[in-house]
PDB file of all heavy atoms in Angstrom:
ATOM      1  N   ILE A   1      -6.752  14.541   9.431  1.00  0.00           N
ATOM      2  CA  ILE A   1      -7.953  15.192   8.917  1.00  0.00           C
ATOM      3  C   ILE A   1      -8.969  14.098   8.598  1.00  0.00           C
ATOM      4  O   ILE A   1      -8.661  13.156   7.866  1.00  0.00           O
ATOM      5  CB  ILE A   1      -7.653  15.997   7.639  1.00  0.00           C
ATOM      6  CG1 ILE A   1      -6.605  17.073   7.915  1.00  0.00           C
ATOM      7  CG2 ILE A   1      -8.931  16.603   7.076  1.00  0.00           C
ATOM      8  CD1 ILE A   1      -6.153  17.817   6.678  1.00  0.00           C
ATOM      9  N   GLY A   2     -10.151  14.223   9.153  1.00  0.00           N
ATOM     10  CA  GLY A   2     -11.234  13.299   8.851  1.00  0.00           C
ATOM     11  C   GLY A   2     -12.041  13.816   7.677  1.00  0.00           C
ATOM     12  O   GLY A   2     -12.314  15.010   7.592  1.00  0.00           O
ATOM     13  N   VAL A   3     -12.375  12.903   6.768  1.00  0.00           N
ATOM     14  CA  VAL A   3     -13.184  13.278   5.610  1.00  0.00           C
ATOM     15  C   VAL A   3     -14.390  12.358   5.502  1.00  0.00           C
ATOM     16  O   VAL A   3     -14.360  11.212   5.965  1.00  0.00           O
ATOM     17  CB  VAL A   3     -12.374  13.250   4.291  1.00  0.00           C
ATOM     18  CG1 VAL A   3     -11.278  14.300   4.301  1.00  0.00           C
ATOM     19  CG2 VAL A   3     -11.792  11.878   4.015  1.00  0.00           C
ATOM     20  N   ASP A   4     -15.442  12.882   4.875  1.00  0.00           N
ATOM     21  CA  ASP A   4     -16.632  12.062   4.645  1.00  0.00           C
ATOM     22  C   ASP A   4     -16.466  11.259   3.353  1.00  0.00           C
ATOM     23  O   ASP A   4     -15.397  11.288   2.736  1.00  0.00           O
ATOM     24  CB  ASP A   4     -17.901  12.922   4.646  1.00  0.00           C
ATOM     25  CG  ASP A   4     -17.955  13.945   3.521  1.00  0.00           C
ATOM     26  OD1 ASP A   4     -17.206  13.816   2.519  1.00  0.00           O
ATOM     27  OD2 ASP A   4     -18.745  14.895   3.633  1.00  0.00           O
ATOM     28  N   ILE A   5     -17.502  10.593   2.935  1.00  0.00           N
ATOM     29  CA  ILE A   5     -17.437   9.702   1.782  1.00  0.00           C
ATOM     30  C   ILE A   5     -17.087  10.444   0.483  1.00  0.00           C
ATOM     31  O   ILE A   5     -16.551   9.862  -0.442  1.00  0.00           O
ATOM     32  CB  ILE A   5     -18.752   8.888   1.641  1.00  0.00           C
ATOM     33  CG1 ILE A   5     -18.565   7.687   0.724  1.00  0.00           C
ATOM     34  CG2 ILE A   5     -19.885   9.753   1.158  1.00  0.00           C
ATOM     35  CD1 ILE A   5     -17.775   6.593   1.327  1.00  0.00           C
ATOM     36  N   ARG A   6     -17.351  11.751   0.445  1.00  0.00           N
ATOM     37  CA  ARG A   6     -17.049  12.563  -0.743  1.00  0.00           C
ATOM     38  C   ARG A   6     -15.829  13.450  -0.541  1.00  0.00           C
ATOM     39  O   ARG A   6     -15.687  14.483  -1.199  1.00  0.00           O
ATOM     40  CB  ARG A   6     -18.253  13.411  -1.112  1.00  0.00           C
ATOM     41  CG  ARG A   6     -19.426  12.563  -1.532  1.00  0.00           C
ATOM     42  CD  ARG A   6     -20.570  13.393  -1.961  1.00  0.00           C
ATOM     43  NE  ARG A   6     -21.672  12.515  -2.329  1.00  0.00           N
ATOM     44  CZ  ARG A   6     -22.803  12.915  -2.803  1.00  0.00           C
ATOM     45  NH1 ARG A   6     -23.010  14.199  -2.962  1.00  0.00           N
ATOM     46  NH2 ARG A   6     -23.744  12.062  -3.107  1.00  0.00           N
ATOM     47  N   ASN A   7     -14.976  13.086   0.391  1.00  0.00           N
ATOM     48  CA  ASN A   7     -13.764  13.845   0.741  1.00  0.00           C
ATOM     49  C   ASN A   7     -14.075  15.242   1.264  1.00  0.00           C
ATOM     50  O   ASN A   7     -13.265  16.155   1.143  1.00  0.00           O
ATOM     51  CB  ASN A   7     -12.779  13.922  -0.425  1.00  0.00           C
ATOM     52  CG  ASN A   7     -12.081  12.612  -0.675  1.00  0.00           C
ATOM     53  OD1 ASN A   7     -12.079  11.727   0.178  1.00  0.00           O
ATOM     54  ND2 ASN A   7     -11.502  12.470  -1.850  1.00  0.00           N
ATOM     55  N   GLY A   8     -15.240  15.400   1.868  1.00  0.00           N
ATOM     56  CA  GLY A   8     -15.580  16.656   2.521  1.00  0.00           C
ATOM     57  C   GLY A   8     -14.937  16.696   3.895  1.00  0.00           C
ATOM     58  O   GLY A   8     -14.962  15.712   4.634  1.00  0.00           O
ATOM     59  N   LEU A   9     -14.349  17.814   4.240  1.00  0.00           N
ATOM     60  CA  LEU A   9     -13.638  17.959   5.506  1.00  0.00           C
ATOM     61  C   LEU A   9     -14.604  17.870   6.682  1.00  0.00           C
ATOM     62  O   LEU A   9     -15.586  18.600   6.742  1.00  0.00           O
ATOM     63  CB  LEU A   9     -12.916  19.303   5.529  1.00  0.00           C
ATOM     64  CG  LEU A   9     -12.029  19.537   6.729  1.00  0.00           C
ATOM     65  CD1 LEU A   9     -10.733  20.188   6.292  1.00  0.00           C
ATOM     66  CD2 LEU A   9     -12.715  20.397   7.745  1.00  0.00           C
ATOM     67  N   LEU A  10     -14.328  16.947   7.600  1.00  0.00           N
ATOM     68  CA  LEU A  10     -15.114  16.825   8.830  1.00  0.00           C
ATOM     69  C   LEU A  10     -14.453  17.584   9.965  1.00  0.00           C
ATOM     70  O   LEU A  10     -15.089  18.371  10.652  1.00  0.00           O
ATOM     71  CB  LEU A  10     -15.278  15.354   9.220  1.00  0.00           C
ATOM     72  CG  LEU A  10     -16.084  14.478   8.269  1.00  0.00           C
ATOM     73  CD1 LEU A  10     -16.022  13.021   8.715  1.00  0.00           C
ATOM     74  CD2 LEU A  10     -17.520  14.956   8.197  1.00  0.00           C
ATOM     75  N   ASP A  11     -13.157  17.313  10.174  1.00  0.00           N
ATOM     76  CA  ASP A  11     -12.448  17.975  11.269  1.00  0.00           C
ATOM     77  C   ASP A  11     -10.949  17.825  11.077  1.00  0.00           C
ATOM     78  O   ASP A  11     -10.478  16.901  10.402  1.00  0.00           O
ATOM     79  CB  ASP A  11     -12.855  17.373  12.615  1.00  0.00           C
ATOM     80  CG  ASP A  11     -12.566  18.288  13.796  1.00  0.00           C
ATOM     81  OD1 ASP A  11     -12.104  19.434  13.586  1.00  0.00           O
ATOM     82  OD2 ASP A  11     -12.805  17.868  14.943  1.00  0.00           O
ATOM     83  N   ILE A  12     -10.199  18.726  11.696  1.00  0.00           N
ATOM     84  CA  ILE A  12      -8.734  18.700  11.689  1.00  0.00           C
ATOM     85  C   ILE A  12      -8.296  18.587  13.137  1.00  0.00           C
ATOM     86  O   ILE A  12      -8.660  19.426  13.954  1.00  0.00           O
ATOM     87  CB  ILE A  12      -8.158  19.986  11.059  1.00  0.00           C
ATOM     88  CG1 ILE A  12      -8.655  20.149   9.624  1.00  0.00           C
ATOM     89  CG2 ILE A  12      -6.636  19.978  11.125  1.00  0.00           C
ATOM     90  CD1 ILE A  12      -8.292  21.479   8.989  1.00  0.00           C
ATOM     91  N   VAL A  13      -7.509  17.527  13.456  1.00  0.00           N
ATOM     92  CA  VAL A  13      -7.131  17.258  14.839  1.00  0.00           C
ATOM     93  C   VAL A  13      -5.624  17.064  14.946  1.00  0.00           C
ATOM     94  O   VAL A  13      -5.049  16.240  14.239  1.00  0.00           O
ATOM     95  CB  VAL A  13      -7.857  15.996  15.375  1.00  0.00           C
ATOM     96  CG1 VAL A  13      -7.447  15.705  16.803  1.00  0.00           C
ATOM     97  CG2 VAL A  13      -9.360  16.144  15.249  1.00  0.00           C
ATOM     98  N   GLU A  14      -5.002  17.820  15.847  1.00  0.00           N
ATOM     99  CA  GLU A  14      -3.586  17.593  16.147  1.00  0.00           C
ATOM    100  C   GLU A  14      -3.496  16.386  17.069  1.00  0.00           C
ATOM    101  O   GLU A  14      -4.110  16.369  18.126  1.00  0.00           O
ATOM    102  CB  GLU A  14      -2.983  18.815  16.836  1.00  0.00           C
ATOM    103  CG  GLU A  14      -1.519  18.647  17.169  1.00  0.00           C
ATOM    104  CD  GLU A  14      -0.923  19.851  17.872  1.00  0.00           C
ATOM    105  OE1 GLU A  14      -1.227  20.990  17.470  1.00  0.00           O
ATOM    106  OE2 GLU A  14      -0.153  19.637  18.825  1.00  0.00           O
ATOM    107  N   VAL A  15      -2.725  15.377  16.658  1.00  0.00           N
ATOM    108  CA  VAL A  15      -2.644  14.154  17.458  1.00  0.00           C
ATOM    109  C   VAL A  15      -1.303  13.984  18.160  1.00  0.00           C
ATOM    110  O   VAL A  15      -1.204  13.196  19.106  1.00  0.00           O
ATOM    111  CB  VAL A  15      -2.966  12.887  16.620  1.00  0.00           C
ATOM    112  CG1 VAL A  15      -4.413  12.903  16.180  1.00  0.00           C
ATOM    113  CG2 VAL A  15      -2.046  12.744  15.440  1.00  0.00           C
ATOM    114  N   ALA A  16      -0.272  14.696  17.721  1.00  0.00           N
ATOM    115  CA  ALA A  16       1.023  14.582  18.393  1.00  0.00           C
ATOM    116  C   ALA A  16       1.877  15.808  18.092  1.00  0.00           C
ATOM    117  O   ALA A  16       1.772  16.410  17.025  1.00  0.00           O
ATOM    118  CB  ALA A  16       1.749  13.317  17.949  1.00  0.00           C
ATOM    119  N   ARG A  17       2.719  16.130  19.056  1.00  0.00           N
ATOM    120  CA  ARG A  17       3.660  17.242  18.901  1.00  0.00           C
ATOM    121  C   ARG A  17       5.016  16.738  19.373  1.00  0.00           C
ATOM    122  O   ARG A  17       5.129  16.166  20.448  1.00  0.00           O
ATOM    123  CB  ARG A  17       3.198  18.431  19.735  1.00  0.00           C
ATOM    124  CG  ARG A  17       3.941  19.707  19.466  1.00  0.00           C
ATOM    125  CD  ARG A  17       3.292  20.863  20.208  1.00  0.00           C
ATOM    126  NE  ARG A  17       2.091  21.312  19.523  1.00  0.00           N
ATOM    127  CZ  ARG A  17       2.017  22.468  18.855  1.00  0.00           C
ATOM    128  NH1 ARG A  17       3.054  23.265  18.815  1.00  0.00           N
ATOM    129  NH2 ARG A  17       0.901  22.825  18.273  1.00  0.00           N
ATOM    130  N   GLY A  18       6.021  16.931  18.550  1.00  0.00           N
ATOM    131  CA  GLY A  18       7.346  16.408  18.867  1.00  0.00           C
ATOM    132  C   GLY A  18       8.368  17.500  19.071  1.00  0.00           C
ATOM    133  O   GLY A  18       8.084  18.541  19.661  1.00  0.00           O
ATOM    134  N   ASN A  19       9.554  17.264  18.527  1.00  0.00           N
ATOM    135  CA  ASN A  19      10.624  18.251  18.630  1.00  0.00           C
ATOM    136  C   ASN A  19      11.084  18.610  17.219  1.00  0.00           C
ATOM    137  O   ASN A  19      10.452  18.239  16.241  1.00  0.00           O
ATOM    138  CB  ASN A  19      11.780  17.724  19.494  1.00  0.00           C
ATOM    139  CG  ASN A  19      12.315  16.403  18.977  1.00  0.00           C
ATOM    140  OD1 ASN A  19      12.418  16.198  17.774  1.00  0.00           O
ATOM    141  ND2 ASN A  19      12.657  15.505  19.882  1.00  0.00           N
ATOM    142  N   VAL A  20      12.200  19.292  17.112  1.00  0.00           N
ATOM    143  CA  VAL A  20      12.675  19.757  15.814  1.00  0.00           C
ATOM    144  C   VAL A  20      13.058  18.590  14.895  1.00  0.00           C
ATOM    145  O   VAL A  20      12.988  18.705  13.675  1.00  0.00           O
ATOM    146  CB  VAL A  20      13.852  20.748  15.979  1.00  0.00           C
ATOM    147  CG1 VAL A  20      15.117  20.029  16.426  1.00  0.00           C
ATOM    148  CG2 VAL A  20      14.093  21.516  14.709  1.00  0.00           C
ATOM    149  N   ALA A  21      13.412  17.448  15.463  1.00  0.00           N
ATOM    150  CA  ALA A  21      13.891  16.319  14.669  1.00  0.00           C
ATOM    151  C   ALA A  21      12.824  15.290  14.342  1.00  0.00           C
ATOM    152  O   ALA A  21      13.019  14.451  13.464  1.00  0.00           O
ATOM    153  CB  ALA A  21      15.045  15.635  15.398  1.00  0.00           C
ATOM    154  N   GLY A  22      11.692  15.300  15.034  1.00  0.00           N
ATOM    155  CA  GLY A  22      10.678  14.297  14.752  1.00  0.00           C
ATOM    156  C   GLY A  22       9.523  14.347  15.724  1.00  0.00           C
ATOM    157  O   GLY A  22       9.499  15.152  16.656  1.00  0.00           O
ATOM    158  N   VAL A  23       8.576  13.455  15.483  1.00  0.00           N
ATOM    159  CA  VAL A  23       7.398  13.345  16.330  1.00  0.00           C
ATOM    160  C   VAL A  23       7.034  11.872  16.429  1.00  0.00           C
ATOM    161  O   VAL A  23       7.102  11.146  15.445  1.00  0.00           O
ATOM    162  CB  VAL A  23       6.223  14.192  15.783  1.00  0.00           C
ATOM    163  CG1 VAL A  23       5.799  13.760  14.400  1.00  0.00           C
ATOM    164  CG2 VAL A  23       5.047  14.180  16.725  1.00  0.00           C
ATOM    165  N   GLU A  24       6.700  11.432  17.630  1.00  0.00           N
ATOM    166  CA  GLU A  24       6.303  10.039  17.839  1.00  0.00           C
ATOM    167  C   GLU A  24       4.790   9.939  17.688  1.00  0.00           C
ATOM    168  O   GLU A  24       4.040  10.662  18.346  1.00  0.00           O
ATOM    169  CB  GLU A  24       6.724   9.582  19.232  1.00  0.00           C
ATOM    170  CG  GLU A  24       6.531   8.104  19.446  1.00  0.00           C
ATOM    171  CD  GLU A  24       7.086   7.647  20.772  1.00  0.00           C
ATOM    172  OE1 GLU A  24       8.045   8.259  21.280  1.00  0.00           O
ATOM    173  OE2 GLU A  24       6.540   6.673  21.305  1.00  0.00           O
ATOM    174  N   VAL A  25       4.367   9.031  16.825  1.00  0.00           N
ATOM    175  CA  VAL A  25       2.940   8.902  16.518  1.00  0.00           C
ATOM    176  C   VAL A  25       2.502   7.468  16.771  1.00  0.00           C
ATOM    177  O   VAL A  25       3.146   6.526  16.316  1.00  0.00           O
ATOM    178  CB  VAL A  25       2.668   9.271  15.045  1.00  0.00           C
ATOM    179  CG1 VAL A  25       1.188   9.153  14.730  1.00  0.00           C
ATOM    180  CG2 VAL A  25       3.164  10.669  14.747  1.00  0.00           C
ATOM    181  N   HIS A  26       1.405   7.306  17.493  1.00  0.00           N
ATOM    182  CA  HIS A  26       0.837   5.992  17.766  1.00  0.00           C
ATOM    183  C   HIS A  26      -0.457   5.840  16.978  1.00  0.00           C
ATOM    184  O   HIS A  26      -1.269   6.770  16.946  1.00  0.00           O
ATOM    185  CB  HIS A  26       0.556   5.826  19.263  1.00  0.00           C
ATOM    186  CG  HIS A  26       1.782   5.895  20.096  1.00  0.00           C
ATOM    187  ND1 HIS A  26       2.659   4.845  20.193  1.00  0.00           N
ATOM    188  CD2 HIS A  26       2.290   6.894  20.853  1.00  0.00           C
ATOM    189  CE1 HIS A  26       3.656   5.196  20.991  1.00  0.00           C
ATOM    190  NE2 HIS A  26       3.460   6.434  21.401  1.00  0.00           N
ATOM    191  N   PRO A  27      -0.686   4.680  16.385  1.00  0.00           N
ATOM    192  CA  PRO A  27      -1.916   4.469  15.617  1.00  0.00           C
ATOM    193  C   PRO A  27      -3.182   4.769  16.412  1.00  0.00           C
ATOM    194  O   PRO A  27      -4.134   5.331  15.869  1.00  0.00           O
ATOM    195  CB  PRO A  27      -1.840   2.987  15.221  1.00  0.00           C
ATOM    196  CG  PRO A  27      -0.379   2.701  15.167  1.00  0.00           C
ATOM    197  CD  PRO A  27       0.220   3.531  16.270  1.00  0.00           C
ATOM    198  N   ARG A  28      -3.209   4.451  17.693  1.00  0.00           N
ATOM    199  CA  ARG A  28      -4.428   4.700  18.474  1.00  0.00           C
ATOM    200  C   ARG A  28      -4.750   6.187  18.546  1.00  0.00           C
ATOM    201  O   ARG A  28      -5.907   6.575  18.557  1.00  0.00           O
ATOM    202  CB  ARG A  28      -4.315   4.095  19.865  1.00  0.00           C
ATOM    203  CG  ARG A  28      -3.301   4.759  20.761  1.00  0.00           C
ATOM    204  CD  ARG A  28      -3.236   4.124  22.143  1.00  0.00           C
ATOM    205  NE  ARG A  28      -2.094   4.605  22.869  1.00  0.00           N
ATOM    206  CZ  ARG A  28      -0.887   4.050  22.839  1.00  0.00           C
ATOM    207  NH1 ARG A  28      -0.676   2.967  22.132  1.00  0.00           N
ATOM    208  NH2 ARG A  28       0.106   4.571  23.524  1.00  0.00           N
ATOM    209  N   GLU A  29      -3.710   7.033  18.589  1.00  0.00           N
ATOM    210  CA  GLU A  29      -3.931   8.476  18.650  1.00  0.00           C
ATOM    211  C   GLU A  29      -4.414   9.017  17.311  1.00  0.00           C
ATOM    212  O   GLU A  29      -5.131  10.014  17.267  1.00  0.00           O
ATOM    213  CB  GLU A  29      -2.656   9.205  19.073  1.00  0.00           C
ATOM    214  CG  GLU A  29      -2.109   8.765  20.412  1.00  0.00           C
ATOM    215  CD  GLU A  29      -3.117   8.907  21.539  1.00  0.00           C
ATOM    216  OE1 GLU A  29      -3.931   9.852  21.524  1.00  0.00           O
ATOM    217  OE2 GLU A  29      -3.106   8.062  22.449  1.00  0.00           O
ATOM    218  N   VAL A  30      -4.023   8.367  16.217  1.00  0.00           N
ATOM    219  CA  VAL A  30      -4.445   8.797  14.890  1.00  0.00           C
ATOM    220  C   VAL A  30      -5.893   8.398  14.632  1.00  0.00           C
ATOM    221  O   VAL A  30      -6.693   9.184  14.121  1.00  0.00           O
ATOM    222  CB  VAL A  30      -3.522   8.190  13.804  1.00  0.00           C
ATOM    223  CG1 VAL A  30      -4.080   8.428  12.408  1.00  0.00           C
ATOM    224  CG2 VAL A  30      -2.113   8.764  13.936  1.00  0.00           C
ATOM    225  N   PHE A  31      -6.248   7.163  15.002  1.00  0.00           N
ATOM    226  CA  PHE A  31      -7.564   6.655  14.638  1.00  0.00           C
ATOM    227  C   PHE A  31      -8.661   6.978  15.646  1.00  0.00           C
ATOM    228  O   PHE A  31      -9.836   6.951  15.291  1.00  0.00           O
ATOM    229  CB  PHE A  31      -7.494   5.152  14.360  1.00  0.00           C
ATOM    230  CG  PHE A  31      -6.812   4.876  13.050  1.00  0.00           C
ATOM    231  CD1 PHE A  31      -5.464   4.591  12.991  1.00  0.00           C
ATOM    232  CD2 PHE A  31      -7.527   4.967  11.867  1.00  0.00           C
ATOM    233  CE1 PHE A  31      -4.833   4.371  11.783  1.00  0.00           C
ATOM    234  CE2 PHE A  31      -6.910   4.749  10.651  1.00  0.00           C
ATOM    235  CZ  PHE A  31      -5.556   4.450  10.606  1.00  0.00           C
TER     236      PHE A  31
END
């Protein structure tokens, strides 16, 4: 979730989808 300087919601983005046991997340996909 991206927020502005006052913690106002900018956008909500799904960056990874895994399986029942976990999800692999890369910093480049988050940022």
